[in-house]
Every structure is written in C-alpha cells, then in structure tokens.
C-alpha cells in the first residue's frame, strides 16, 4: 500500500522560511538594542532585549491567526513583553514607555515582513 500525505500533513514551511525568520529576528533585535547600546544601558539588559526580539522573529511569522499580520505581530510582541514590563516598572517607570513603543513598532514590523517573505 502506498499512502500519500494530505495537504495538511505536508510541512507548510521549509528551511528557507526558517532562515528568513532568523534574519528577521536578527534585524529586529539589532533595531531594538542599538539605541540601548548608545545610551550605555546594562549589558544584560541589552542581551535580553536582543534575544527577546530575535525569538519573536522566529515565532510571529509562523503563528497562523486569522488577522492582519501587523496586528498579530503587535499582540504577540506586547504579550511577550508584558512580564518584562511588570518586572521593570517598579524600578524604572519611564522605561516602560519605550518598551511599549518598541513592542508596537517591531511587533508590527516582524508581522508584516514575515507575511511578505514567509509563505
């Protein structure tokens, strides 16, 4: 007997999509961390911010929600940043505003770029 995979069973994404997602994450991480480096913020905070957006670059493009890619990116990015904002808020209330801004901007960007380049 020969069984063919149905459309649902076939992998939707390939390695090119993964590498594109890596590139999206690297760029998003760099965009977030460059201002932090210029402001001479803590090294651990810089690494954490870079890893945060690098990982979101690997997640957001592959989440299949029935909504606009920019909105999906904003929602996921904000939800992932929320625990960090809760930790940071008591120590530095002003830091939460740029965290929200970057969540909105980079989340939307990751969602849009992911939708364009990852099919």
PDB file of N, CA and C in Angstrom:
ATOM      1  N   UNK A   1       0.825  -1.183   0.000  1.00  0.00           N
ATOM      2  CA  UNK A   1       0.000   0.000   0.000  1.00  0.00           C
ATOM      3  C   UNK A   1       0.870   1.247   0.000  1.00  0.00           C
ATOM      4  N   UNK A   2       0.442   2.205  -0.730  1.00  0.00           N
ATOM      5  CA  UNK A   2       1.158   3.472  -0.802  1.00  0.00           C
ATOM      6  C   UNK A   2       0.253   4.583  -0.277  1.00  0.00           C
ATOM      7  N   UNK A   3       0.768   5.297   0.698  1.00  0.00           N
ATOM      8  CA  UNK A   3      -0.006   6.394   1.268  1.00  0.00           C
ATOM      9  C   UNK A   3       0.647   7.712   0.902  1.00  0.00           C
ATOM     10  N   UNK A   4      -0.127   8.600   0.377  1.00  0.00           N
ATOM     11  CA  UNK A   4       0.380   9.937   0.099  1.00  0.00           C
ATOM     12  C   UNK A   4      -0.057  10.870   1.219  1.00  0.00           C
ATOM     13  N   UNK A   5       0.812  11.797   1.513  1.00  0.00           N
ATOM     14  CA  UNK A   5       0.475  12.775   2.539  1.00  0.00           C
ATOM     15  C   UNK A   5      -0.591  13.720   2.013  1.00  0.00           C
ATOM     16  N   UNK A   6      -1.516  14.022   2.882  1.00  0.00           N
ATOM     17  CA  UNK A   6      -2.511  15.023   2.510  1.00  0.00           C
ATOM     18  C   UNK A   6      -1.876  16.400   2.634  1.00  0.00           C
ATOM     19  N   UNK A   7      -2.572  17.398   2.162  1.00  0.00           N
ATOM     20  CA  UNK A   7      -2.053  18.778   2.218  1.00  0.00           C
ATOM     21  C   UNK A   7      -1.794  19.188   3.667  1.00  0.00           C
ATOM     22  N   UNK A   8      -2.627  18.740   4.582  1.00  0.00           N
ATOM     23  CA  UNK A   8      -2.469  19.097   5.991  1.00  0.00           C
ATOM     24  C   UNK A   8      -1.214  18.459   6.574  1.00  0.00           C
ATOM     25  N   UNK A   9      -0.858  17.272   6.117  1.00  0.00           N
ATOM     26  CA  UNK A   9       0.287  16.552   6.665  1.00  0.00           C
ATOM     27  C   UNK A   9       1.621  17.058   6.128  1.00  0.00           C
ATOM     28  N   UNK A  10       1.627  17.670   4.974  1.00  0.00           N
ATOM     29  CA  UNK A  10       2.876  18.185   4.416  1.00  0.00           C
ATOM     30  C   UNK A  10       3.358  19.364   5.239  1.00  0.00           C
ATOM     31  N   UNK A  11       4.658  19.489   5.328  1.00  0.00           N
ATOM     32  CA  UNK A  11       5.207  20.652   6.021  1.00  0.00           C
ATOM     33  C   UNK A  11       4.873  21.901   5.228  1.00  0.00           C
ATOM     34  N   UNK A  12       4.319  22.878   5.927  1.00  0.00           N
ATOM     35  CA  UNK A  12       3.937  24.118   5.265  1.00  0.00           C
ATOM     36  C   UNK A  12       5.160  25.000   5.013  1.00  0.00           C
ATOM     37  N   UNK A  13       6.130  24.900   5.890  1.00  0.00           N
ATOM     38  CA  UNK A  13       7.303  25.759   5.807  1.00  0.00           C
ATOM     39  C   UNK A  13       8.542  24.926   5.502  1.00  0.00           C
ATOM     40  N   UNK A  14       9.546  25.575   4.916  1.00  0.00           N
ATOM     41  CA  UNK A  14      10.801  24.884   4.651  1.00  0.00           C
ATOM     42  C   UNK A  14      11.950  25.613   5.339  1.00  0.00           C
ATOM     43  N   UNK A  15      13.162  25.143   5.126  1.00  0.00           N
ATOM     44  CA  UNK A  15      14.328  25.726   5.791  1.00  0.00           C
ATOM     45  C   UNK A  15      14.574  27.172   5.351  1.00  0.00           C
ATOM     46  N   UNK A  16      14.237  27.502   4.119  1.00  0.00           N
ATOM     47  CA  UNK A  16      14.390  28.899   3.686  1.00  0.00           C
ATOM     48  C   UNK A  16      13.546  29.826   4.554  1.00  0.00           C
ATOM     49  N   UNK A  17      12.332  29.384   4.872  1.00  0.00           N
ATOM     50  CA  UNK A  17      11.469  30.181   5.736  1.00  0.00           C
ATOM     51  C   UNK A  17      12.096  30.353   7.119  1.00  0.00           C
ATOM     52  N   UNK A  18      12.701  29.287   7.622  1.00  0.00           N
ATOM     53  CA  UNK A  18      13.365  29.370   8.926  1.00  0.00           C
ATOM     54  C   UNK A  18      14.510  30.381   8.883  1.00  0.00           C
ATOM     55  N   UNK A  19      15.328  30.330   7.836  1.00  0.00           N
ATOM     56  CA  UNK A  19      16.452  31.260   7.733  1.00  0.00           C
ATOM     57  C   UNK A  19      15.983  32.706   7.549  1.00  0.00           C
ATOM     58  N   UNK A  20      14.886  32.883   6.833  1.00  0.00           N
ATOM     59  CA  UNK A  20      14.309  34.226   6.710  1.00  0.00           C
ATOM     60  C   UNK A  20      13.849  34.714   8.085  1.00  0.00           C
ATOM     61  N   UNK A  21      13.222  33.835   8.861  1.00  0.00           N
ATOM     62  CA  UNK A  21      12.779  34.199  10.209  1.00  0.00           C
ATOM     63  C   UNK A  21      13.969  34.540  11.102  1.00  0.00           C
ATOM     64  N   UNK A  22      15.068  33.803  10.968  1.00  0.00           N
ATOM     65  CA  UNK A  22      16.289  34.121  11.717  1.00  0.00           C
ATOM     66  C   UNK A  22      16.767  35.522  11.354  1.00  0.00           C
ATOM     67  N   UNK A  23      16.773  35.824  10.068  1.00  0.00           N
ATOM     68  CA  UNK A  23      17.203  37.146   9.612  1.00  0.00           C
ATOM     69  C   UNK A  23      16.270  38.241  10.144  1.00  0.00           C
ATOM     70  N   UNK A  24      14.970  37.997  10.099  1.00  0.00           N
ATOM     71  CA  UNK A  24      14.005  38.963  10.644  1.00  0.00           C
ATOM     72  C   UNK A  24      14.274  39.194  12.121  1.00  0.00           C
ATOM     73  N   UNK A  25      14.512  38.117  12.874  1.00  0.00           N
ATOM     74  CA  UNK A  25      14.802  38.240  14.296  1.00  0.00           C
ATOM     75  C   UNK A  25      16.096  38.985  14.571  1.00  0.00           C
ATOM     76  N   UNK A  26      17.131  38.710  13.775  1.00  0.00           N
ATOM     77  CA  UNK A  26      18.401  39.417  13.945  1.00  0.00           C
ATOM     78  C   UNK A  26      18.243  40.915  13.712  1.00  0.00           C
ATOM     79  N   UNK A  27      17.545  41.269  12.651  1.00  0.00           N
ATOM     80  CA  UNK A  27      17.354  42.689  12.340  1.00  0.00           C
ATOM     81  C   UNK A  27      16.518  43.364  13.426  1.00  0.00           C
ATOM     82  N   UNK A  28      15.423  42.723  13.838  1.00  0.00           N
ATOM     83  CA  UNK A  28      14.578  43.308  14.880  1.00  0.00           C
ATOM     84  C   UNK A  28      15.358  43.460  16.183  1.00  0.00           C
ATOM     85  N   UNK A  29      16.149  42.455  16.534  1.00  0.00           N
ATOM     86  CA  UNK A  29      16.958  42.532  17.742  1.00  0.00           C
ATOM     87  C   UNK A  29      17.966  43.665  17.681  1.00  0.00           C
ATOM     88  N   UNK A  30      18.600  43.833  16.541  1.00  0.00           N
ATOM     89  CA  UNK A  30      19.566  44.931  16.374  1.00  0.00           C
ATOM     90  C   UNK A  30      18.888  46.296  16.440  1.00  0.00           C
ATOM     91  N   UNK A  31      17.723  46.415  15.812  1.00  0.00           N
ATOM     92  CA  UNK A  31      16.997  47.686  15.856  1.00  0.00           C
ATOM     93  C   UNK A  31      16.651  48.046  17.296  1.00  0.00           C
ATOM     94  N   UNK A  32      16.295  47.062  18.098  1.00  0.00           N
ATOM     95  CA  UNK A  32      15.941  47.329  19.494  1.00  0.00           C
ATOM     96  C   UNK A  32      17.159  47.639  20.352  1.00  0.00           C
ATOM     97  N   UNK A  33      18.256  46.944  20.122  1.00  0.00           N
ATOM     98  CA  UNK A  33      19.392  47.043  21.036  1.00  0.00           C
ATOM     99  C   UNK A  33      20.341  48.196  20.698  1.00  0.00           C
ATOM    100  N   UNK A  34      20.378  48.655  19.466  1.00  0.00           N
ATOM    101  CA  UNK A  34      21.302  49.739  19.106  1.00  0.00           C
ATOM    102  C   UNK A  34      21.060  50.999  19.943  1.00  0.00           C
ATOM    103  N   UNK A  35      19.812  51.469  20.101  1.00  0.00           N
ATOM    104  CA  UNK A  35      19.614  52.637  20.973  1.00  0.00           C
ATOM    105  C   UNK A  35      20.016  52.367  22.425  1.00  0.00           C
ATOM    106  N   UNK A  36      19.843  51.154  22.859  1.00  0.00           N
ATOM    107  CA  UNK A  36      20.213  50.796  24.229  1.00  0.00           C
ATOM    108  C   UNK A  36      21.733  50.849  24.406  1.00  0.00           C
ATOM    109  N   UNK A  37      22.458  50.408  23.401  1.00  0.00           N
ATOM    110  CA  UNK A  37      23.924  50.462  23.459  1.00  0.00           C
ATOM    111  C   UNK A  37      24.393  51.916  23.444  1.00  0.00           C
ATOM    112  N   UNK A  38      23.767  52.726  22.596  1.00  0.00           N
ATOM    113  CA  UNK A  38      24.126  54.144  22.528  1.00  0.00           C
ATOM    114  C   UNK A  38      23.898  54.818  23.886  1.00  0.00           C
ATOM    115  N   UNK A  39      22.816  54.436  24.576  1.00  0.00           N
ATOM    116  CA  UNK A  39      22.521  55.016  25.897  1.00  0.00           C
ATOM    117  C   UNK A  39      23.345  54.375  27.010  1.00  0.00           C
ATOM    118  N   UNK A  40      24.215  53.427  26.626  1.00  0.00           N
ATOM    119  CA  UNK A  40      25.094  52.731  27.566  1.00  0.00           C
ATOM    120  C   UNK A  40      24.319  52.029  28.690  1.00  0.00           C
ATOM    121  N   UNK A  41      23.252  51.335  28.303  1.00  0.00           N
ATOM    122  CA  UNK A  41      22.482  50.574  29.270  1.00  0.00           C
ATOM    123  C   UNK A  41      23.222  49.286  29.636  1.00  0.00           C
ATOM    124  N   UNK A  42      22.753  48.664  30.666  1.00  0.00           N
ATOM    125  CA  UNK A  42      23.359  47.451  31.203  1.00  0.00           C
ATOM    126  C   UNK A  42      23.503  46.367  30.130  1.00  0.00           C
ATOM    127  N   UNK A  43      24.633  45.678  30.140  1.00  0.00           N
ATOM    128  CA  UNK A  43      24.929  44.641  29.143  1.00  0.00           C
ATOM    129  C   UNK A  43      23.870  43.527  29.169  1.00  0.00           C
ATOM    130  N   UNK A  44      23.451  43.128  30.357  1.00  0.00           N
ATOM    131  CA  UNK A  44      22.450  42.059  30.478  1.00  0.00           C
ATOM    132  C   UNK A  44      21.113  42.516  29.883  1.00  0.00           C
ATOM    133  N   UNK A  45      20.749  43.774  30.104  1.00  0.00           N
ATOM    134  CA  UNK A  45      19.513  44.306  29.521  1.00  0.00           C
ATOM    135  C   UNK A  45      19.602  44.304  27.999  1.00  0.00           C
ATOM    136  N   UNK A  46      20.760  44.661  27.455  1.00  0.00           N
ATOM    137  CA  UNK A  46      20.950  44.654  26.003  1.00  0.00           C
ATOM    138  C   UNK A  46      20.807  43.245  25.431  1.00  0.00           C
ATOM    139  N   UNK A  47      21.443  42.300  26.076  1.00  0.00           N
ATOM    140  CA  UNK A  47      21.369  40.899  25.608  1.00  0.00           C
ATOM    141  C   UNK A  47      19.935  40.392  25.697  1.00  0.00           C
ATOM    142  N   UNK A  48      19.262  40.703  26.809  1.00  0.00           N
ATOM    143  CA  UNK A  48      17.881  40.278  26.996  1.00  0.00           C
ATOM    144  C   UNK A  48      16.977  40.845  25.909  1.00  0.00           C
ATOM    145  N   UNK A  49      17.120  42.138  25.612  1.00  0.00           N
ATOM    146  CA  UNK A  49      16.294  42.775  24.580  1.00  0.00           C
ATOM    147  C   UNK A  49      16.571  42.172  23.211  1.00  0.00           C
ATOM    148  N   UNK A  50      17.844  41.931  22.906  1.00  0.00           N
ATOM    149  CA  UNK A  50      18.184  41.335  21.619  1.00  0.00           C
ATOM    150  C   UNK A  50      17.564  39.946  21.485  1.00  0.00           C
ATOM    151  N   UNK A  51      17.726  39.123  22.506  1.00  0.00           N
ATOM    152  CA  UNK A  51      17.186  37.755  22.467  1.00  0.00           C
ATOM    153  C   UNK A  51      15.660  37.789  22.363  1.00  0.00           C
ATOM    154  N   UNK A  52      15.034  38.727  23.068  1.00  0.00           N
ATOM    155  CA  UNK A  52      13.579  38.867  23.038  1.00  0.00           C
ATOM    156  C   UNK A  52      13.077  39.032  21.603  1.00  0.00           C
ATOM    157  N   UNK A  53      13.647  39.987  20.868  1.00  0.00           N
ATOM    158  CA  UNK A  53      13.177  40.226  19.507  1.00  0.00           C
ATOM    159  C   UNK A  53      13.697  39.204  18.516  1.00  0.00           C
ATOM    160  N   UNK A  54      14.838  38.609  18.793  1.00  0.00           N
ATOM    161  CA  UNK A  54      15.318  37.520  17.939  1.00  0.00           C
ATOM    162  C   UNK A  54      14.319  36.358  17.990  1.00  0.00           C
ATOM    163  N   UNK A  55      13.901  35.998  19.196  1.00  0.00           N
ATOM    164  CA  UNK A  55      12.947  34.896  19.364  1.00  0.00           C
ATOM    165  C   UNK A  55      11.594  35.252  18.749  1.00  0.00           C
ATOM    166  N   UNK A  56      11.147  36.492  18.935  1.00  0.00           N
ATOM    167  CA  UNK A  56       9.873  36.892  18.319  1.00  0.00           C
ATOM    168  C   UNK A  56       9.940  36.800  16.801  1.00  0.00           C
ATOM    169  N   UNK A  57      11.107  37.049  16.226  1.00  0.00           N
ATOM    170  CA  UNK A  57      11.275  36.887  14.785  1.00  0.00           C
ATOM    171  C   UNK A  57      11.095  35.440  14.341  1.00  0.00           C
ATOM    172  N   UNK A  58      11.360  34.516  15.245  1.00  0.00           N
ATOM    173  CA  UNK A  58      11.175  33.092  14.943  1.00  0.00           C
ATOM    174  C   UNK A  58       9.749  32.622  15.221  1.00  0.00           C
ATOM    175  N   UNK A  59       9.002  33.376  16.006  1.00  0.00           N
ATOM    176  CA  UNK A  59       7.660  32.944  16.401  1.00  0.00           C
ATOM    177  C   UNK A  59       6.565  33.616  15.576  1.00  0.00           C
ATOM    178  N   UNK A  60       6.572  34.939  15.534  1.00  0.00           N
ATOM    179  CA  UNK A  60       5.466  35.691  14.935  1.00  0.00           C
ATOM    180  C   UNK A  60       5.156  35.274  13.496  1.00  0.00           C
ATOM    181  N   UNK A  61       6.153  35.118  12.615  1.00  0.00           N
ATOM    182  CA  UNK A  61       5.799  34.776  11.225  1.00  0.00           C
ATOM    183  C   UNK A  61       5.109  33.418  11.072  1.00  0.00           C
ATOM    184  N   UNK A  62       5.242  32.548  12.050  1.00  0.00           N
ATOM    185  CA  UNK A  62       4.686  31.200  11.923  1.00  0.00           C
ATOM    186  C   UNK A  62       3.375  31.015  12.685  1.00  0.00           C
ATOM    187  N   UNK A  63       2.923  32.031  13.382  1.00  0.00           N
ATOM    188  CA  UNK A  63       1.634  31.959  14.073  1.00  0.00           C
ATOM    189  C   UNK A  63       0.548  32.219  13.039  1.00  0.00           C
ATOM    190  N   UNK A  64      -0.408  31.316  12.979  1.00  0.00           N
ATOM    191  CA  UNK A  64      -1.443  31.384  11.951  1.00  0.00           C
ATOM    192  C   UNK A  64      -2.767  31.828  12.575  1.00  0.00           C
ATOM    193  N   UNK A  65      -2.894  33.131  12.788  1.00  0.00           N
ATOM    194  CA  UNK A  65      -4.137  33.697  13.287  1.00  0.00           C
ATOM    195  C   UNK A  65      -4.811  34.410  12.129  1.00  0.00           C
ATOM    196  N   UNK A  66      -6.094  34.379  12.109  1.00  0.00           N
ATOM    197  CA  UNK A  66      -6.845  34.982  11.017  1.00  0.00           C
ATOM    198  C   UNK A  66      -7.030  36.481  11.272  1.00  0.00           C
ATOM    199  N   UNK A  67      -5.942  37.230  11.113  1.00  0.00           N
ATOM    200  CA  UNK A  67      -5.972  38.682  11.291  1.00  0.00           C
ATOM    201  C   UNK A  67      -4.828  39.295  10.501  1.00  0.00           C
ATOM    202  N   UNK A  68      -4.831  40.602  10.430  1.00  0.00           N
ATOM    203  CA  UNK A  68      -3.769  41.305   9.709  1.00  0.00           C
ATOM    204  C   UNK A  68      -2.419  40.990  10.355  1.00  0.00           C
ATOM    205  N   UNK A  69      -1.381  40.776   9.542  1.00  0.00           N
ATOM    206  CA  UNK A  69      -0.065  40.419  10.093  1.00  0.00           C
ATOM    207  C   UNK A  69       0.491  41.452  11.067  1.00  0.00           C
ATOM    208  N   UNK A  70       0.262  42.740  10.802  1.00  0.00           N
ATOM    209  CA  UNK A  70       0.787  43.775  11.697  1.00  0.00           C
ATOM    210  C   UNK A  70       0.108  43.701  13.062  1.00  0.00           C
ATOM    211  N   UNK A  71      -1.204  43.388  13.071  1.00  0.00           N
ATOM    212  CA  UNK A  71      -1.936  43.283  14.338  1.00  0.00           C
ATOM    213  C   UNK A  71      -1.493  42.048  15.113  1.00  0.00           C
ATOM    214  N   UNK A  72      -1.313  40.959  14.404  1.00  0.00           N
ATOM    215  CA  UNK A  72      -0.817  39.725  15.031  1.00  0.00           C
ATOM    216  C   UNK A  72       0.545  39.979  15.665  1.00  0.00           C
ATOM    217  N   UNK A  73       1.414  40.670  14.950  1.00  0.00           N
ATOM    218  CA  UNK A  73       2.743  40.984  15.474  1.00  0.00           C
ATOM    219  C   UNK A  73       2.690  41.854  16.716  1.00  0.00           C
ATOM    220  N   UNK A  74       1.829  42.867  16.693  1.00  0.00           N
ATOM    221  CA  UNK A  74       1.692  43.751  17.853  1.00  0.00           C
ATOM    222  C   UNK A  74       1.200  42.985  19.067  1.00  0.00           C
ATOM    223  N   UNK A  75       0.170  42.175  18.877  1.00  0.00           N
ATOM    224  CA  UNK A  75      -0.409  41.436  20.008  1.00  0.00           C
ATOM    225  C   UNK A  75       0.620  40.491  20.612  1.00  0.00           C
ATOM    226  N   UNK A  76       1.285  39.704  19.777  1.00  0.00           N
ATOM    227  CA  UNK A  76       2.261  38.731  20.292  1.00  0.00           C
ATOM    228  C   UNK A  76       3.443  39.449  20.933  1.00  0.00           C
ATOM    229  N   UNK A  77       3.938  40.487  20.287  1.00  0.00           N
ATOM    230  CA  UNK A  77       5.077  41.225  20.826  1.00  0.00           C
ATOM    231  C   UNK A  77       4.738  41.846  22.176  1.00  0.00           C
ATOM    232  N   UNK A  78       3.559  42.450  22.281  1.00  0.00           N
ATOM    233  CA  UNK A  78       3.155  43.069  23.546  1.00  0.00           C
ATOM    234  C   UNK A  78       2.975  42.012  24.637  1.00  0.00           C
ATOM    235  N   UNK A  79       2.359  40.891  24.300  1.00  0.00           N
ATOM    236  CA  UNK A  79       2.149  39.828  25.296  1.00  0.00           C
ATOM    237  C   UNK A  79       3.472  39.259  25.806  1.00  0.00           C
ATOM    238  N   UNK A  80       4.439  39.121  24.904  1.00  0.00           N
ATOM    239  CA  UNK A  80       5.752  38.618  25.317  1.00  0.00           C
ATOM    240  C   UNK A  80       6.517  39.637  26.150  1.00  0.00           C
ATOM    241  N   UNK A  81       6.296  40.922  25.899  1.00  0.00           N
ATOM    242  CA  UNK A  81       6.998  41.975  26.642  1.00  0.00           C
ATOM    243  C   UNK A  81       6.344  42.271  27.985  1.00  0.00           C
ATOM    244  N   UNK A  82       5.097  41.922  28.154  1.00  0.00           N
ATOM    245  CA  UNK A  82       4.353  42.259  29.363  1.00  0.00           C
ATOM    246  C   UNK A  82       5.016  41.788  30.665  1.00  0.00           C
ATOM    247  N   UNK A  83       5.497  40.547  30.758  1.00  0.00           N
ATOM    248  CA  UNK A  83       6.168  40.140  32.005  1.00  0.00           C
ATOM    249  C   UNK A  83       7.417  40.970  32.312  1.00  0.00           C
ATOM    250  N   UNK A  84       8.165  41.325  31.282  1.00  0.00           N
ATOM    251  CA  UNK A  84       9.366  42.146  31.479  1.00  0.00           C
ATOM    252  C   UNK A  84       8.960  43.538  31.958  1.00  0.00           C
ATOM    253  N   UNK A  85       7.906  44.092  31.373  1.00  0.00           N
ATOM    254  CA  UNK A  85       7.432  45.409  31.794  1.00  0.00           C
ATOM    255  C   UNK A  85       6.999  45.393  33.260  1.00  0.00           C
ATOM    256  N   UNK A  86       6.375  44.321  33.688  1.00  0.00           N
ATOM    257  CA  UNK A  86       5.937  44.200  35.080  1.00  0.00           C
ATOM    258  C   UNK A  86       7.142  44.181  36.014  1.00  0.00           C
ATOM    259  N   UNK A  87       8.205  43.516  35.610  1.00  0.00           N
ATOM    260  CA  UNK A  87       9.427  43.470  36.431  1.00  0.00           C
ATOM    261  C   UNK A  87      10.119  44.824  36.457  1.00  0.00           C
ATOM    262  N   UNK A  88      10.177  45.498  35.320  1.00  0.00           N
ATOM    263  CA  UNK A  88      10.918  46.757  35.196  1.00  0.00           C
ATOM    264  C   UNK A  88      10.173  47.927  35.838  1.00  0.00           C
ATOM    265  N   UNK A  89       8.859  47.935  35.776  1.00  0.00           N
ATOM    266  CA  UNK A  89       8.062  49.096  36.189  1.00  0.00           C
ATOM    267  C   UNK A  89       8.378  49.625  37.595  1.00  0.00           C
ATOM    268  N   UNK A  90       8.461  48.787  38.626  1.00  0.00           N
ATOM    269  CA  UNK A  90       8.738  49.346  39.960  1.00  0.00           C
ATOM    270  C   UNK A  90      10.111  50.017  40.061  1.00  0.00           C
ATOM    271  N   UNK A  91      11.073  49.565  39.282  1.00  0.00           N
ATOM    272  CA  UNK A  91      12.433  50.105  39.349  1.00  0.00           C
ATOM    273  C   UNK A  91      12.624  51.324  38.457  1.00  0.00           C
ATOM    274  N   UNK A  92      11.968  51.334  37.297  1.00  0.00           N
ATOM    275  CA  UNK A  92      12.162  52.421  36.335  1.00  0.00           C
ATOM    276  C   UNK A  92      10.880  52.617  35.525  1.00  0.00           C
ATOM    277  N   UNK A  93       9.993  53.440  36.054  1.00  0.00           N
ATOM    278  CA  UNK A  93       8.694  53.652  35.420  1.00  0.00           C
ATOM    279  C   UNK A  93       8.811  54.228  34.006  1.00  0.00           C
ATOM    280  N   UNK A  94       9.817  55.052  33.754  1.00  0.00           N
ATOM    281  CA  UNK A  94       9.994  55.680  32.445  1.00  0.00           C
ATOM    282  C   UNK A  94      10.405  54.671  31.374  1.00  0.00           C
ATOM    283  N   UNK A  95      11.010  53.576  31.767  1.00  0.00           N
ATOM    284  CA  UNK A  95      11.493  52.585  30.800  1.00  0.00           C
ATOM    285  C   UNK A  95      10.355  51.833  30.122  1.00  0.00           C
ATOM    286  N   UNK A  96       9.189  51.820  30.738  1.00  0.00           N
ATOM    287  CA  UNK A  96       8.069  51.059  30.184  1.00  0.00           C
ATOM    288  C   UNK A  96       7.555  51.699  28.894  1.00  0.00           C
ATOM    289  N   UNK A  97       7.611  53.016  28.793  1.00  0.00           N
ATOM    290  CA  UNK A  97       7.110  53.699  27.596  1.00  0.00           C
ATOM    291  C   UNK A  97       7.874  53.275  26.338  1.00  0.00           C
ATOM    292  N   UNK A  98       9.227  53.311  26.342  1.00  0.00           N
ATOM    293  CA  UNK A  98       9.910  52.821  25.135  1.00  0.00           C
ATOM    294  C   UNK A  98       9.701  51.327  24.896  1.00  0.00           C
ATOM    295  N   UNK A  99       9.511  50.574  25.956  1.00  0.00           N
ATOM    296  CA  UNK A  99       9.251  49.137  25.778  1.00  0.00           C
ATOM    297  C   UNK A  99       7.927  48.929  25.035  1.00  0.00           C
ATOM    298  N   UNK A 100       6.921  49.709  25.404  1.00  0.00           N
ATOM    299  CA  UNK A 100       5.636  49.615  24.715  1.00  0.00           C
ATOM    300  C   UNK A 100       5.788  50.070  23.260  1.00  0.00           C
ATOM    301  N   UNK A 101       6.480  51.185  23.057  1.00  0.00           N
ATOM    302  CA  UNK A 101       6.663  51.707  21.694  1.00  0.00           C
ATOM    303  C   UNK A 101       7.378  50.695  20.802  1.00  0.00           C
ATOM    304  N   UNK A 102       8.463  50.105  21.313  1.00  0.00           N
ATOM    305  CA  UNK A 102       9.196  49.125  20.502  1.00  0.00           C
ATOM    306  C   UNK A 102       8.370  47.866  20.288  1.00  0.00           C
ATOM    307  N   UNK A 103       7.540  47.483  21.267  1.00  0.00           N
ATOM    308  CA  UNK A 103       6.664  46.327  21.069  1.00  0.00           C
ATOM    309  C   UNK A 103       5.695  46.583  19.923  1.00  0.00           C
ATOM    310  N   UNK A 104       5.139  47.786  19.886  1.00  0.00           N
ATOM    311  CA  UNK A 104       4.201  48.128  18.817  1.00  0.00           C
ATOM    312  C   UNK A 104       4.896  48.175  17.460  1.00  0.00           C
ATOM    313  N   UNK A 105       6.005  48.887  17.396  1.00  0.00           N
ATOM    314  CA  UNK A 105       6.698  49.103  16.114  1.00  0.00           C
ATOM    315  C   UNK A 105       7.349  47.814  15.603  1.00  0.00           C
ATOM    316  N   UNK A 106       8.151  47.188  16.454  1.00  0.00           N
ATOM    317  CA  UNK A 106       8.863  45.987  15.994  1.00  0.00           C
ATOM    318  C   UNK A 106       7.918  44.806  15.821  1.00  0.00           C
ATOM    319  N   UNK A 107       6.915  44.696  16.680  1.00  0.00           N
ATOM    320  CA  UNK A 107       5.929  43.621  16.522  1.00  0.00           C
ATOM    321  C   UNK A 107       5.210  43.730  15.187  1.00  0.00           C
ATOM    322  N   UNK A 108       4.754  44.951  14.860  1.00  0.00           N
ATOM    323  CA  UNK A 108       4.086  45.162  13.572  1.00  0.00           C
ATOM    324  C   UNK A 108       5.049  44.881  12.418  1.00  0.00           C
ATOM    325  N   UNK A 109       6.284  45.350  12.553  1.00  0.00           N
ATOM    326  CA  UNK A 109       7.277  45.126  11.508  1.00  0.00           C
ATOM    327  C   UNK A 109       7.577  43.659  11.283  1.00  0.00           C
ATOM    328  N   UNK A 110       7.751  42.926  12.373  1.00  0.00           N
ATOM    329  CA  UNK A 110       8.010  41.477  12.246  1.00  0.00           C
ATOM    330  C   UNK A 110       6.816  40.795  11.567  1.00  0.00           C
ATOM    331  N   UNK A 111       5.610  41.170  11.976  1.00  0.00           N
ATOM    332  CA  UNK A 111       4.422  40.568  11.375  1.00  0.00           C
ATOM    333  C   UNK A 111       4.319  40.857   9.886  1.00  0.00           C
ATOM    334  N   UNK A 112       4.552  42.102   9.499  1.00  0.00           N
ATOM    335  CA  UNK A 112       4.450  42.492   8.088  1.00  0.00           C
ATOM    336  C   UNK A 112       5.528  41.836   7.246  1.00  0.00           C
ATOM    337  N   UNK A 113       6.781  41.943   7.693  1.00  0.00           N
ATOM    338  CA  UNK A 113       7.900  41.373   6.928  1.00  0.00           C
ATOM    339  C   UNK A 113       7.767  39.846   6.850  1.00  0.00           C
ATOM    340  N   UNK A 114       7.347  39.223   7.947  1.00  0.00           N
ATOM    341  CA  UNK A 114       7.141  37.781   7.934  1.00  0.00           C
ATOM    342  C   UNK A 114       6.076  37.381   6.924  1.00  0.00           C
ATOM    343  N   UNK A 115       4.990  38.142   6.852  1.00  0.00           N
ATOM    344  CA  UNK A 115       3.911  37.833   5.903  1.00  0.00           C
ATOM    345  C   UNK A 115       4.363  38.016   4.460  1.00  0.00           C
ATOM    346  N   UNK A 116       5.268  38.954   4.232  1.00  0.00           N
ATOM    347  CA  UNK A 116       5.739  39.207   2.864  1.00  0.00           C
ATOM    348  C   UNK A 116       6.700  38.104   2.403  1.00  0.00           C
ATOM    349  N   UNK A 117       7.631  37.719   3.273  1.00  0.00           N
ATOM    350  CA  UNK A 117       8.713  36.833   2.845  1.00  0.00           C
ATOM    351  C   UNK A 117       8.527  35.359   3.215  1.00  0.00           C
ATOM    352  N   UNK A 118       7.622  35.056   4.140  1.00  0.00           N
ATOM    353  CA  UNK A 118       7.401  33.660   4.539  1.00  0.00           C
ATOM    354  C   UNK A 118       5.988  33.271   4.145  1.00  0.00           C
ATOM    355  N   UNK A 119       5.900  32.342   3.243  1.00  0.00           N
ATOM    356  CA  UNK A 119       4.574  31.916   2.720  1.00  0.00           C
ATOM    357  C   UNK A 119       4.227  30.543   3.225  1.00  0.00           C
TER     358      UNK A 119
END
